[in-house]
């Protein structure tokens, strides 16, 4: 399994709010937690929350780190008038997401590179 491709395709489907394709990424009994809002979802609740949210969304995966069966991502998602960075801890078991823990932060604009040169 190509983890980078899996993650990029996952976020592409999140941004396009493609419920049918997104469902394929998850174990049937997956657990999704949004820590900043203290919410926990099963797969169908998570898909409804994402796919019914208004706006024409775009997204860009900025960083992917792997640690055993957990993938950590930083992703920028945006629509007109709104911009967020999402840090996700994604546990992948047998090629599907088993748990997803996310923290979302509002960003007013794209991060401007500082003196660190990156």
PDB file of N, CA and C in Angstrom:
ATOM      1  N   UNK A   1       0.843  -1.187   0.000  1.00  0.00           N
ATOM      2  CA  UNK A   1       0.000   0.000   0.000  1.00  0.00           C
ATOM      3  C   UNK A   1       0.883   1.244   0.000  1.00  0.00           C
ATOM      4  N   UNK A   2       0.612   2.153  -0.901  1.00  0.00           N
ATOM      5  CA  UNK A   2       1.326   3.428  -0.968  1.00  0.00           C
ATOM      6  C   UNK A   2       0.613   4.424  -0.053  1.00  0.00           C
ATOM      7  N   UNK A   3       1.168   4.612   1.147  1.00  0.00           N
ATOM      8  CA  UNK A   3       0.540   5.462   2.159  1.00  0.00           C
ATOM      9  C   UNK A   3       0.371   6.899   1.671  1.00  0.00           C
ATOM     10  N   UNK A   4       1.395   7.455   1.035  1.00  0.00           N
ATOM     11  CA  UNK A   4       1.291   8.841   0.562  1.00  0.00           C
ATOM     12  C   UNK A   4       0.121   9.010  -0.401  1.00  0.00           C
ATOM     13  N   UNK A   5      -0.024   8.083  -1.338  1.00  0.00           N
ATOM     14  CA  UNK A   5      -1.126   8.153  -2.293  1.00  0.00           C
ATOM     15  C   UNK A   5      -2.470   7.987  -1.578  1.00  0.00           C
ATOM     16  N   UNK A   6      -2.536   7.059  -0.629  1.00  0.00           N
ATOM     17  CA  UNK A   6      -3.749   6.847   0.162  1.00  0.00           C
ATOM     18  C   UNK A   6      -4.179   8.158   0.826  1.00  0.00           C
ATOM     19  N   UNK A   7      -3.225   8.834   1.475  1.00  0.00           N
ATOM     20  CA  UNK A   7      -3.518  10.073   2.199  1.00  0.00           C
ATOM     21  C   UNK A   7      -3.941  11.183   1.238  1.00  0.00           C
ATOM     22  N   UNK A   8      -3.236  11.348   0.154  1.00  0.00           N
ATOM     23  CA  UNK A   8      -3.570  12.405  -0.813  1.00  0.00           C
ATOM     24  C   UNK A   8      -4.955  12.166  -1.409  1.00  0.00           C
ATOM     25  N   UNK A   9      -5.260  10.911  -1.749  1.00  0.00           N
ATOM     26  CA  UNK A   9      -6.590  10.580  -2.287  1.00  0.00           C
ATOM     27  C   UNK A   9      -7.677  10.803  -1.241  1.00  0.00           C
ATOM     28  N   UNK A  10      -7.386  10.442  -0.004  1.00  0.00           N
ATOM     29  CA  UNK A  10      -8.337  10.665   1.082  1.00  0.00           C
ATOM     30  C   UNK A  10      -8.693  12.150   1.183  1.00  0.00           C
ATOM     31  N   UNK A  11      -7.679  13.011   1.252  1.00  0.00           N
ATOM     32  CA  UNK A  11      -7.931  14.445   1.397  1.00  0.00           C
ATOM     33  C   UNK A  11      -8.570  15.042   0.144  1.00  0.00           C
ATOM     34  N   UNK A  12      -8.246  14.520  -1.013  1.00  0.00           N
ATOM     35  CA  UNK A  12      -8.902  14.968  -2.245  1.00  0.00           C
ATOM     36  C   UNK A  12     -10.415  14.708  -2.155  1.00  0.00           C
ATOM     37  N   UNK A  13     -10.774  13.540  -1.637  1.00  0.00           N
ATOM     38  CA  UNK A  13     -12.185  13.205  -1.491  1.00  0.00           C
ATOM     39  C   UNK A  13     -12.851  13.956  -0.351  1.00  0.00           C
ATOM     40  N   UNK A  14     -12.103  14.296   0.696  1.00  0.00           N
ATOM     41  CA  UNK A  14     -12.648  15.163   1.753  1.00  0.00           C
ATOM     42  C   UNK A  14     -12.995  16.522   1.151  1.00  0.00           C
ATOM     43  N   UNK A  15     -12.051  17.119   0.423  1.00  0.00           N
ATOM     44  CA  UNK A  15     -12.273  18.458  -0.145  1.00  0.00           C
ATOM     45  C   UNK A  15     -13.432  18.462  -1.142  1.00  0.00           C
ATOM     46  N   UNK A  16     -13.549  17.412  -1.946  1.00  0.00           N
ATOM     47  CA  UNK A  16     -14.628  17.358  -2.939  1.00  0.00           C
ATOM     48  C   UNK A  16     -15.929  16.828  -2.345  1.00  0.00           C
ATOM     49  N   UNK A  17     -15.904  16.470  -1.066  1.00  0.00           N
ATOM     50  CA  UNK A  17     -17.079  15.986  -0.333  1.00  0.00           C
ATOM     51  C   UNK A  17     -17.740  14.794  -1.038  1.00  0.00           C
ATOM     52  N   UNK A  18     -16.894  13.871  -1.462  1.00  0.00           N
ATOM     53  CA  UNK A  18     -17.328  12.684  -2.208  1.00  0.00           C
ATOM     54  C   UNK A  18     -17.635  11.547  -1.224  1.00  0.00           C
ATOM     55  N   UNK A  19     -18.865  11.513  -0.741  1.00  0.00           N
ATOM     56  CA  UNK A  19     -19.250  10.572   0.310  1.00  0.00           C
ATOM     57  C   UNK A  19     -19.057   9.118  -0.097  1.00  0.00           C
ATOM     58  N   UNK A  20     -19.419   8.757  -1.314  1.00  0.00           N
ATOM     59  CA  UNK A  20     -19.311   7.365  -1.751  1.00  0.00           C
ATOM     60  C   UNK A  20     -17.853   6.885  -1.754  1.00  0.00           C
ATOM     61  N   UNK A  21     -16.944   7.711  -2.240  1.00  0.00           N
ATOM     62  CA  UNK A  21     -15.528   7.340  -2.252  1.00  0.00           C
ATOM     63  C   UNK A  21     -14.930   7.367  -0.853  1.00  0.00           C
ATOM     64  N   UNK A  22     -15.307   8.347  -0.047  1.00  0.00           N
ATOM     65  CA  UNK A  22     -14.758   8.462   1.303  1.00  0.00           C
ATOM     66  C   UNK A  22     -15.075   7.238   2.151  1.00  0.00           C
ATOM     67  N   UNK A  23     -16.255   6.709   1.985  1.00  0.00           N
ATOM     68  CA  UNK A  23     -16.667   5.550   2.774  1.00  0.00           C
ATOM     69  C   UNK A  23     -15.700   4.384   2.591  1.00  0.00           C
ATOM     70  N   UNK A  24     -15.091   4.267   1.420  1.00  0.00           N
ATOM     71  CA  UNK A  24     -14.162   3.175   1.118  1.00  0.00           C
ATOM     72  C   UNK A  24     -12.865   3.261   1.911  1.00  0.00           C
ATOM     73  N   UNK A  25     -12.548   4.416   2.462  1.00  0.00           N
ATOM     74  CA  UNK A  25     -11.305   4.608   3.209  1.00  0.00           C
ATOM     75  C   UNK A  25     -11.389   4.106   4.645  1.00  0.00           C
ATOM     76  N   UNK A  26     -12.596   3.841   5.139  1.00  0.00           N
ATOM     77  CA  UNK A  26     -12.811   3.552   6.556  1.00  0.00           C
ATOM     78  C   UNK A  26     -13.235   2.115   6.825  1.00  0.00           C
ATOM     79  N   UNK A  27     -12.770   1.602   7.965  1.00  0.00           N
ATOM     80  CA  UNK A  27     -13.344   0.382   8.507  1.00  0.00           C
ATOM     81  C   UNK A  27     -14.788   0.693   8.885  1.00  0.00           C
ATOM     82  N   UNK A  28     -15.634  -0.283   8.816  1.00  0.00           N
ATOM     83  CA  UNK A  28     -17.045  -0.101   9.139  1.00  0.00           C
ATOM     84  C   UNK A  28     -17.254   0.454  10.544  1.00  0.00           C
ATOM     85  N   UNK A  29     -16.410   0.039  11.493  1.00  0.00           N
ATOM     86  CA  UNK A  29     -16.562   0.462  12.885  1.00  0.00           C
ATOM     87  C   UNK A  29     -15.516   1.503  13.310  1.00  0.00           C
ATOM     88  N   UNK A  30     -15.026   2.281  12.363  1.00  0.00           N
ATOM     89  CA  UNK A  30     -14.016   3.308  12.666  1.00  0.00           C
ATOM     90  C   UNK A  30     -14.575   4.349  13.638  1.00  0.00           C
ATOM     91  N   UNK A  31     -13.654   4.952  14.377  1.00  0.00           N
ATOM     92  CA  UNK A  31     -14.005   6.007  15.328  1.00  0.00           C
ATOM     93  C   UNK A  31     -13.251   7.271  14.939  1.00  0.00           C
ATOM     94  N   UNK A  32     -13.978   8.381  14.846  1.00  0.00           N
ATOM     95  CA  UNK A  32     -13.399   9.666  14.450  1.00  0.00           C
ATOM     96  C   UNK A  32     -13.643  10.659  15.584  1.00  0.00           C
ATOM     97  N   UNK A  33     -12.577  11.344  16.002  1.00  0.00           N
ATOM     98  CA  UNK A  33     -12.689  12.312  17.096  1.00  0.00           C
ATOM     99  C   UNK A  33     -12.134  13.671  16.658  1.00  0.00           C
ATOM    100  N   UNK A  34     -12.914  14.712  16.896  1.00  0.00           N
ATOM    101  CA  UNK A  34     -12.466  16.090  16.700  1.00  0.00           C
ATOM    102  C   UNK A  34     -12.232  16.656  18.091  1.00  0.00           C
ATOM    103  N   UNK A  35     -10.975  16.745  18.471  1.00  0.00           N
ATOM    104  CA  UNK A  35     -10.631  17.108  19.840  1.00  0.00           C
ATOM    105  C   UNK A  35     -10.936  18.568  20.167  1.00  0.00           C
ATOM    106  N   UNK A  36     -10.802  19.456  19.212  1.00  0.00           N
ATOM    107  CA  UNK A  36     -11.024  20.875  19.515  1.00  0.00           C
ATOM    108  C   UNK A  36     -12.499  21.193  19.780  1.00  0.00           C
ATOM    109  N   UNK A  37     -13.418  20.346  19.294  1.00  0.00           N
ATOM    110  CA  UNK A  37     -14.849  20.559  19.554  1.00  0.00           C
ATOM    111  C   UNK A  37     -15.437  19.479  20.454  1.00  0.00           C
ATOM    112  N   UNK A  38     -14.577  18.556  20.913  1.00  0.00           N
ATOM    113  CA  UNK A  38     -15.000  17.482  21.810  1.00  0.00           C
ATOM    114  C   UNK A  38     -16.131  16.644  21.203  1.00  0.00           C
ATOM    115  N   UNK A  39     -16.000  16.331  19.894  1.00  0.00           N
ATOM    116  CA  UNK A  39     -17.000  15.523  19.204  1.00  0.00           C
ATOM    117  C   UNK A  39     -16.400  14.178  18.815  1.00  0.00           C
ATOM    118  N   UNK A  40     -17.246  13.154  18.822  1.00  0.00           N
ATOM    119  CA  UNK A  40     -16.846  11.826  18.378  1.00  0.00           C
ATOM    120  C   UNK A  40     -17.911  11.308  17.417  1.00  0.00           C
ATOM    121  N   UNK A  41     -17.450  10.698  16.306  1.00  0.00           N
ATOM    122  CA  UNK A  41     -18.356  10.255  15.249  1.00  0.00           C
ATOM    123  C   UNK A  41     -18.096   8.800  14.886  1.00  0.00           C
ATOM    124  N   UNK A  42     -19.135   8.129  14.409  1.00  0.00           N
ATOM    125  CA  UNK A  42     -18.927   6.893  13.670  1.00  0.00           C
ATOM    126  C   UNK A  42     -18.770   7.292  12.202  1.00  0.00           C
ATOM    127  N   UNK A  43     -18.572   6.350  11.323  1.00  0.00           N
ATOM    128  CA  UNK A  43     -18.282   6.688   9.919  1.00  0.00           C
ATOM    129  C   UNK A  43     -19.428   7.458   9.269  1.00  0.00           C
ATOM    130  N   UNK A  44     -20.652   6.984   9.415  1.00  0.00           N
ATOM    131  CA  UNK A  44     -21.766   7.664   8.736  1.00  0.00           C
ATOM    132  C   UNK A  44     -21.963   9.082   9.267  1.00  0.00           C
ATOM    133  N   UNK A  45     -21.790   9.288  10.569  1.00  0.00           N
ATOM    134  CA  UNK A  45     -21.906  10.641  11.134  1.00  0.00           C
ATOM    135  C   UNK A  45     -20.804  11.553  10.622  1.00  0.00           C
ATOM    136  N   UNK A  46     -19.580  11.025  10.553  1.00  0.00           N
ATOM    137  CA  UNK A  46     -18.445  11.805  10.056  1.00  0.00           C
ATOM    138  C   UNK A  46     -18.650  12.195   8.594  1.00  0.00           C
ATOM    139  N   UNK A  47     -19.098  11.256   7.787  1.00  0.00           N
ATOM    140  CA  UNK A  47     -19.329  11.556   6.368  1.00  0.00           C
ATOM    141  C   UNK A  47     -20.413  12.605   6.210  1.00  0.00           C
ATOM    142  N   UNK A  48     -21.467  12.509   6.981  1.00  0.00           N
ATOM    143  CA  UNK A  48     -22.544  13.505   6.917  1.00  0.00           C
ATOM    144  C   UNK A  48     -22.017  14.882   7.325  1.00  0.00           C
ATOM    145  N   UNK A  49     -21.238  14.936   8.419  1.00  0.00           N
ATOM    146  CA  UNK A  49     -20.696  16.223   8.885  1.00  0.00           C
ATOM    147  C   UNK A  49     -19.810  16.866   7.829  1.00  0.00           C
ATOM    148  N   UNK A  50     -19.000  16.073   7.142  1.00  0.00           N
ATOM    149  CA  UNK A  50     -18.103  16.617   6.124  1.00  0.00           C
ATOM    150  C   UNK A  50     -18.804  16.908   4.806  1.00  0.00           C
ATOM    151  N   UNK A  51     -19.621  15.997   4.357  1.00  0.00           N
ATOM    152  CA  UNK A  51     -20.184  16.105   3.008  1.00  0.00           C
ATOM    153  C   UNK A  51     -21.354  17.066   2.912  1.00  0.00           C
ATOM    154  N   UNK A  52     -22.002  17.374   4.026  1.00  0.00           N
ATOM    155  CA  UNK A  52     -23.113  18.322   4.002  1.00  0.00           C
ATOM    156  C   UNK A  52     -22.682  19.730   4.404  1.00  0.00           C
ATOM    157  N   UNK A  53     -21.406  19.898   4.759  1.00  0.00           N
ATOM    158  CA  UNK A  53     -20.923  21.218   5.165  1.00  0.00           C
ATOM    159  C   UNK A  53     -20.885  22.127   3.943  1.00  0.00           C
ATOM    160  N   UNK A  54     -21.439  23.332   4.050  1.00  0.00           N
ATOM    161  CA  UNK A  54     -21.504  24.204   2.867  1.00  0.00           C
ATOM    162  C   UNK A  54     -20.139  24.714   2.409  1.00  0.00           C
ATOM    163  N   UNK A  55     -20.055  25.003   1.139  1.00  0.00           N
ATOM    164  CA  UNK A  55     -18.852  25.596   0.564  1.00  0.00           C
ATOM    165  C   UNK A  55     -18.245  24.725  -0.514  1.00  0.00           C
ATOM    166  N   UNK A  56     -17.447  25.360  -1.352  1.00  0.00           N
ATOM    167  CA  UNK A  56     -16.699  24.692  -2.409  1.00  0.00           C
ATOM    168  C   UNK A  56     -15.260  24.600  -1.920  1.00  0.00           C
ATOM    169  N   UNK A  57     -14.863  23.448  -1.367  1.00  0.00           N
ATOM    170  CA  UNK A  57     -13.623  23.295  -0.634  1.00  0.00           C
ATOM    171  C   UNK A  57     -12.463  22.856  -1.505  1.00  0.00           C
ATOM    172  N   UNK A  58     -11.282  23.289  -1.098  1.00  0.00           N
ATOM    173  CA  UNK A  58     -10.016  22.845  -1.687  1.00  0.00           C
ATOM    174  C   UNK A  58      -9.132  22.383  -0.540  1.00  0.00           C
ATOM    175  N   UNK A  59      -8.117  21.590  -0.872  1.00  0.00           N
ATOM    176  CA  UNK A  59      -7.224  21.121   0.175  1.00  0.00           C
ATOM    177  C   UNK A  59      -5.846  20.791  -0.368  1.00  0.00           C
ATOM    178  N   UNK A  60      -4.852  20.890   0.518  1.00  0.00           N
ATOM    179  CA  UNK A  60      -3.476  20.555   0.163  1.00  0.00           C
ATOM    180  C   UNK A  60      -2.803  19.895   1.364  1.00  0.00           C
ATOM    181  N   UNK A  61      -2.340  18.673   1.176  1.00  0.00           N
ATOM    182  CA  UNK A  61      -1.587  17.991   2.226  1.00  0.00           C
ATOM    183  C   UNK A  61      -0.195  18.612   2.257  1.00  0.00           C
ATOM    184  N   UNK A  62       0.178  19.166   3.394  1.00  0.00           N
ATOM    185  CA  UNK A  62       1.459  19.851   3.517  1.00  0.00           C
ATOM    186  C   UNK A  62       2.548  18.975   4.134  1.00  0.00           C
ATOM    187  N   UNK A  63       2.135  17.967   4.906  1.00  0.00           N
ATOM    188  CA  UNK A  63       3.137  17.120   5.554  1.00  0.00           C
ATOM    189  C   UNK A  63       2.521  15.759   5.878  1.00  0.00           C
ATOM    190  N   UNK A  64       3.313  14.717   5.666  1.00  0.00           N
ATOM    191  CA  UNK A  64       2.919  13.351   5.999  1.00  0.00           C
ATOM    192  C   UNK A  64       4.071  12.707   6.761  1.00  0.00           C
ATOM    193  N   UNK A  65       3.780  12.195   7.952  1.00  0.00           N
ATOM    194  CA  UNK A  65       4.751  11.474   8.764  1.00  0.00           C
ATOM    195  C   UNK A  65       4.164  10.115   9.111  1.00  0.00           C
ATOM    196  N   UNK A  66       5.017   9.102   9.157  1.00  0.00           N
ATOM    197  CA  UNK A  66       4.558   7.746   9.450  1.00  0.00           C
ATOM    198  C   UNK A  66       5.225   7.235  10.718  1.00  0.00           C
ATOM    199  N   UNK A  67       4.433   6.580  11.571  1.00  0.00           N
ATOM    200  CA  UNK A  67       4.938   5.951  12.795  1.00  0.00           C
ATOM    201  C   UNK A  67       4.156   4.655  12.999  1.00  0.00           C
ATOM    202  N   UNK A  68       4.765   3.554  12.588  1.00  0.00           N
ATOM    203  CA  UNK A  68       4.121   2.228  12.635  1.00  0.00           C
ATOM    204  C   UNK A  68       2.825   2.265  11.832  1.00  0.00           C
ATOM    205  N   UNK A  69       1.687   1.974  12.475  1.00  0.00           N
ATOM    206  CA  UNK A  69       0.425   1.965  11.724  1.00  0.00           C
ATOM    207  C   UNK A  69      -0.336   3.287  11.832  1.00  0.00           C
ATOM    208  N   UNK A  70       0.346   4.331  12.300  1.00  0.00           N
ATOM    209  CA  UNK A  70      -0.266   5.659  12.398  1.00  0.00           C
ATOM    210  C   UNK A  70       0.403   6.616  11.415  1.00  0.00           C
ATOM    211  N   UNK A  71      -0.431   7.362  10.727  1.00  0.00           N
ATOM    212  CA  UNK A  71       0.046   8.398   9.809  1.00  0.00           C
ATOM    213  C   UNK A  71      -0.391   9.742  10.376  1.00  0.00           C
ATOM    214  N   UNK A  72       0.535  10.683  10.441  1.00  0.00           N
ATOM    215  CA  UNK A  72       0.253  12.028  10.949  1.00  0.00           C
ATOM    216  C   UNK A  72       0.325  12.975   9.768  1.00  0.00           C
ATOM    217  N   UNK A  73      -0.726  13.772   9.600  1.00  0.00           N
ATOM    218  CA  UNK A  73      -0.741  14.710   8.477  1.00  0.00           C
ATOM    219  C   UNK A  73      -1.042  16.126   8.957  1.00  0.00           C
ATOM    220  N   UNK A  74      -0.540  17.076   8.201  1.00  0.00           N
ATOM    221  CA  UNK A  74      -0.926  18.477   8.333  1.00  0.00           C
ATOM    222  C   UNK A  74      -1.492  18.863   6.974  1.00  0.00           C
ATOM    223  N   UNK A  75      -2.729  19.315   6.980  1.00  0.00           N
ATOM    224  CA  UNK A  75      -3.427  19.617   5.730  1.00  0.00           C
ATOM    225  C   UNK A  75      -4.073  20.986   5.816  1.00  0.00           C
ATOM    226  N   UNK A  76      -3.926  21.750   4.757  1.00  0.00           N
ATOM    227  CA  UNK A  76      -4.575  23.053   4.646  1.00  0.00           C
ATOM    228  C   UNK A  76      -5.850  22.865   3.827  1.00  0.00           C
ATOM    229  N   UNK A  77      -6.995  23.254   4.380  1.00  0.00           N
ATOM    230  CA  UNK A  77      -8.272  23.212   3.658  1.00  0.00           C
ATOM    231  C   UNK A  77      -8.871  24.606   3.669  1.00  0.00           C
ATOM    232  N   UNK A  78      -9.526  24.961   2.559  1.00  0.00           N
ATOM    233  CA  UNK A  78     -10.065  26.307   2.467  1.00  0.00           C
ATOM    234  C   UNK A  78     -11.243  26.365   1.497  1.00  0.00           C
ATOM    235  N   UNK A  79     -12.034  27.392   1.708  1.00  0.00           N
ATOM    236  CA  UNK A  79     -13.111  27.778   0.816  1.00  0.00           C
ATOM    237  C   UNK A  79     -13.187  29.296   0.882  1.00  0.00           C
ATOM    238  N   UNK A  80     -13.997  29.897   0.082  1.00  0.00           N
ATOM    239  CA  UNK A  80     -14.084  31.359   0.074  1.00  0.00           C
ATOM    240  C   UNK A  80     -14.412  31.879   1.476  1.00  0.00           C
ATOM    241  N   UNK A  81     -13.511  32.697   2.003  1.00  0.00           N
ATOM    242  CA  UNK A  81     -13.722  33.319   3.300  1.00  0.00           C
ATOM    243  C   UNK A  81     -13.306  32.501   4.506  1.00  0.00           C
ATOM    244  N   UNK A  82     -12.887  31.243   4.315  1.00  0.00           N
ATOM    245  CA  UNK A  82     -12.484  30.404   5.440  1.00  0.00           C
ATOM    246  C   UNK A  82     -11.241  29.601   5.086  1.00  0.00           C
ATOM    247  N   UNK A  83     -10.348  29.465   6.071  1.00  0.00           N
ATOM    248  CA  UNK A  83      -9.126  28.701   5.878  1.00  0.00           C
ATOM    249  C   UNK A  83      -8.780  28.007   7.192  1.00  0.00           C
ATOM    250  N   UNK A  84      -8.403  26.717   7.098  1.00  0.00           N
ATOM    251  CA  UNK A  84      -8.092  25.932   8.285  1.00  0.00           C
ATOM    252  C   UNK A  84      -6.863  25.070   8.041  1.00  0.00           C
ATOM    253  N   UNK A  85      -6.156  24.762   9.116  1.00  0.00           N
ATOM    254  CA  UNK A  85      -5.134  23.725   9.092  1.00  0.00           C
ATOM    255  C   UNK A  85      -5.621  22.605  10.002  1.00  0.00           C
ATOM    256  N   UNK A  86      -5.487  21.389   9.512  1.00  0.00           N
ATOM    257  CA  UNK A  86      -5.950  20.214  10.234  1.00  0.00           C
ATOM    258  C   UNK A  86      -4.752  19.308  10.492  1.00  0.00           C
ATOM    259  N   UNK A  87      -4.537  18.979  11.752  1.00  0.00           N
ATOM    260  CA  UNK A  87      -3.537  17.985  12.116  1.00  0.00           C
ATOM    261  C   UNK A  87      -4.285  16.702  12.431  1.00  0.00           C
ATOM    262  N   UNK A  88      -3.928  15.635  11.718  1.00  0.00           N
ATOM    263  CA  UNK A  88      -4.650  14.371  11.839  1.00  0.00           C
ATOM    264  C   UNK A  88      -3.710  13.245  12.238  1.00  0.00           C
ATOM    265  N   UNK A  89      -4.182  12.409  13.145  1.00  0.00           N
ATOM    266  CA  UNK A  89      -3.522  11.170  13.518  1.00  0.00           C
ATOM    267  C   UNK A  89      -4.422  10.055  13.005  1.00  0.00           C
ATOM    268  N   UNK A  90      -3.941   9.335  12.006  1.00  0.00           N
ATOM    269  CA  UNK A  90      -4.757   8.362  11.285  1.00  0.00           C
ATOM    270  C   UNK A  90      -4.185   6.967  11.517  1.00  0.00           C
ATOM    271  N   UNK A  91      -4.934   6.137  12.214  1.00  0.00           N
ATOM    272  CA  UNK A  91      -4.520   4.757  12.417  1.00  0.00           C
ATOM    273  C   UNK A  91      -5.073   3.917  11.264  1.00  0.00           C
ATOM    274  N   UNK A  92      -4.181   3.268  10.535  1.00  0.00           N
ATOM    275  CA  UNK A  92      -4.562   2.469   9.375  1.00  0.00           C
ATOM    276  C   UNK A  92      -4.304   0.998   9.698  1.00  0.00           C
ATOM    277  N   UNK A  93      -5.360   0.216   9.632  1.00  0.00           N
ATOM    278  CA  UNK A  93      -5.302  -1.221   9.873  1.00  0.00           C
ATOM    279  C   UNK A  93      -5.872  -1.922   8.636  1.00  0.00           C
ATOM    280  N   UNK A  94      -5.103  -2.859   8.091  1.00  0.00           N
ATOM    281  CA  UNK A  94      -5.531  -3.627   6.922  1.00  0.00           C
ATOM    282  C   UNK A  94      -5.998  -2.720   5.778  1.00  0.00           C
ATOM    283  N   UNK A  95      -5.267  -1.629   5.576  1.00  0.00           N
ATOM    284  CA  UNK A  95      -5.510  -0.748   4.439  1.00  0.00           C
ATOM    285  C   UNK A  95      -6.671   0.210   4.575  1.00  0.00           C
ATOM    286  N   UNK A  96      -7.246   0.321   5.788  1.00  0.00           N
ATOM    287  CA  UNK A  96      -8.360   1.253   5.997  1.00  0.00           C
ATOM    288  C   UNK A  96      -8.188   1.993   7.319  1.00  0.00           C
ATOM    289  N   UNK A  97      -8.841   3.154   7.407  1.00  0.00           N
ATOM    290  CA  UNK A  97      -8.763   3.975   8.615  1.00  0.00           C
ATOM    291  C   UNK A  97      -9.594   3.327   9.716  1.00  0.00           C
ATOM    292  N   UNK A  98      -8.931   3.071  10.848  1.00  0.00           N
ATOM    293  CA  UNK A  98      -9.597   2.498  12.024  1.00  0.00           C
ATOM    294  C   UNK A  98      -9.946   3.586  13.026  1.00  0.00           C
ATOM    295  N   UNK A  99      -8.993   4.503  13.266  1.00  0.00           N
ATOM    296  CA  UNK A  99      -9.267   5.663  14.109  1.00  0.00           C
ATOM    297  C   UNK A  99      -8.687   6.905  13.446  1.00  0.00           C
ATOM    298  N   UNK A 100      -9.366   8.020  13.667  1.00  0.00           N
ATOM    299  CA  UNK A 100      -8.948   9.312  13.128  1.00  0.00           C
ATOM    300  C   UNK A 100      -9.129  10.340  14.234  1.00  0.00           C
ATOM    301  N   UNK A 101      -8.022  10.915  14.683  1.00  0.00           N
ATOM    302  CA  UNK A 101      -8.057  11.971  15.695  1.00  0.00           C
ATOM    303  C   UNK A 101      -7.581  13.255  15.036  1.00  0.00           C
ATOM    304  N   UNK A 102      -8.430  14.298  15.103  1.00  0.00           N
ATOM    305  CA  UNK A 102      -8.100  15.546  14.395  1.00  0.00           C
ATOM    306  C   UNK A 102      -8.212  16.758  15.302  1.00  0.00           C
ATOM    307  N   UNK A 103      -7.353  17.717  15.018  1.00  0.00           N
ATOM    308  CA  UNK A 103      -7.412  19.049  15.606  1.00  0.00           C
ATOM    309  C   UNK A 103      -7.406  20.046  14.467  1.00  0.00           C
ATOM    310  N   UNK A 104      -8.318  20.978  14.536  1.00  0.00           N
ATOM    311  CA  UNK A 104      -8.503  21.953  13.471  1.00  0.00           C
ATOM    312  C   UNK A 104      -8.215  23.346  14.019  1.00  0.00           C
ATOM    313  N   UNK A 105      -7.485  24.142  13.249  1.00  0.00           N
ATOM    314  CA  UNK A 105      -7.253  25.531  13.666  1.00  0.00           C
ATOM    315  C   UNK A 105      -7.556  26.458  12.502  1.00  0.00           C
ATOM    316  N   UNK A 106      -8.225  27.539  12.841  1.00  0.00           N
ATOM    317  CA  UNK A 106      -8.570  28.550  11.844  1.00  0.00           C
ATOM    318  C   UNK A 106      -7.316  29.330  11.473  1.00  0.00           C
ATOM    319  N   UNK A 107      -7.105  29.534  10.181  1.00  0.00           N
ATOM    320  CA  UNK A 107      -5.984  30.348   9.720  1.00  0.00           C
ATOM    321  C   UNK A 107      -6.530  31.429   8.813  1.00  0.00           C
ATOM    322  N   UNK A 108      -6.094  32.641   9.030  1.00  0.00           N
ATOM    323  CA  UNK A 108      -6.628  33.751   8.237  1.00  0.00           C
ATOM    324  C   UNK A 108      -6.020  33.803   6.842  1.00  0.00           C
ATOM    325  N   UNK A 109      -4.842  33.235   6.676  1.00  0.00           N
ATOM    326  CA  UNK A 109      -4.211  33.209   5.354  1.00  0.00           C
ATOM    327  C   UNK A 109      -3.147  32.122   5.343  1.00  0.00           C
ATOM    328  N   UNK A 110      -2.590  31.870   4.174  1.00  0.00           N
ATOM    329  CA  UNK A 110      -1.535  30.865   4.049  1.00  0.00           C
ATOM    330  C   UNK A 110      -0.343  31.252   4.912  1.00  0.00           C
ATOM    331  N   UNK A 111       0.317  30.260   5.483  1.00  0.00           N
ATOM    332  CA  UNK A 111       1.505  30.471   6.298  1.00  0.00           C
ATOM    333  C   UNK A 111       2.589  31.116   5.446  1.00  0.00           C
ATOM    334  N   UNK A 112       3.161  32.166   5.942  1.00  0.00           N
ATOM    335  CA  UNK A 112       4.256  32.832   5.243  1.00  0.00           C
ATOM    336  C   UNK A 112       5.572  32.301   5.801  1.00  0.00           C
ATOM    337  N   UNK A 113       6.441  31.866   4.918  1.00  0.00           N
ATOM    338  CA  UNK A 113       7.717  31.273   5.338  1.00  0.00           C
ATOM    339  C   UNK A 113       8.566  32.308   6.045  1.00  0.00           C
ATOM    340  N   UNK A 114       9.099  31.914   7.179  1.00  0.00           N
ATOM    341  CA  UNK A 114       9.908  32.815   7.993  1.00  0.00           C
ATOM    342  C   UNK A 114      11.386  32.608   7.808  1.00  0.00           C
ATOM    343  N   UNK A 115      12.154  32.980   8.796  1.00  0.00           N
ATOM    344  CA  UNK A 115      13.616  32.929   8.721  1.00  0.00           C
ATOM    345  C   UNK A 115      14.162  31.509   8.706  1.00  0.00           C
ATOM    346  N   UNK A 116      13.353  30.508   9.034  1.00  0.00           N
ATOM    347  CA  UNK A 116      13.883  29.150   9.055  1.00  0.00           C
ATOM    348  C   UNK A 116      14.173  28.666   7.639  1.00  0.00           C
ATOM    349  N   UNK A 117      13.725  29.380   6.622  1.00  0.00           N
ATOM    350  CA  UNK A 117      14.077  29.093   5.241  1.00  0.00           C
ATOM    351  C   UNK A 117      13.302  27.982   4.586  1.00  0.00           C
ATOM    352  N   UNK A 118      12.238  27.534   5.197  1.00  0.00           N
ATOM    353  CA  UNK A 118      11.446  26.451   4.608  1.00  0.00           C
ATOM    354  C   UNK A 118      10.185  26.990   3.984  1.00  0.00           C
TER     355      UNK A 118
END
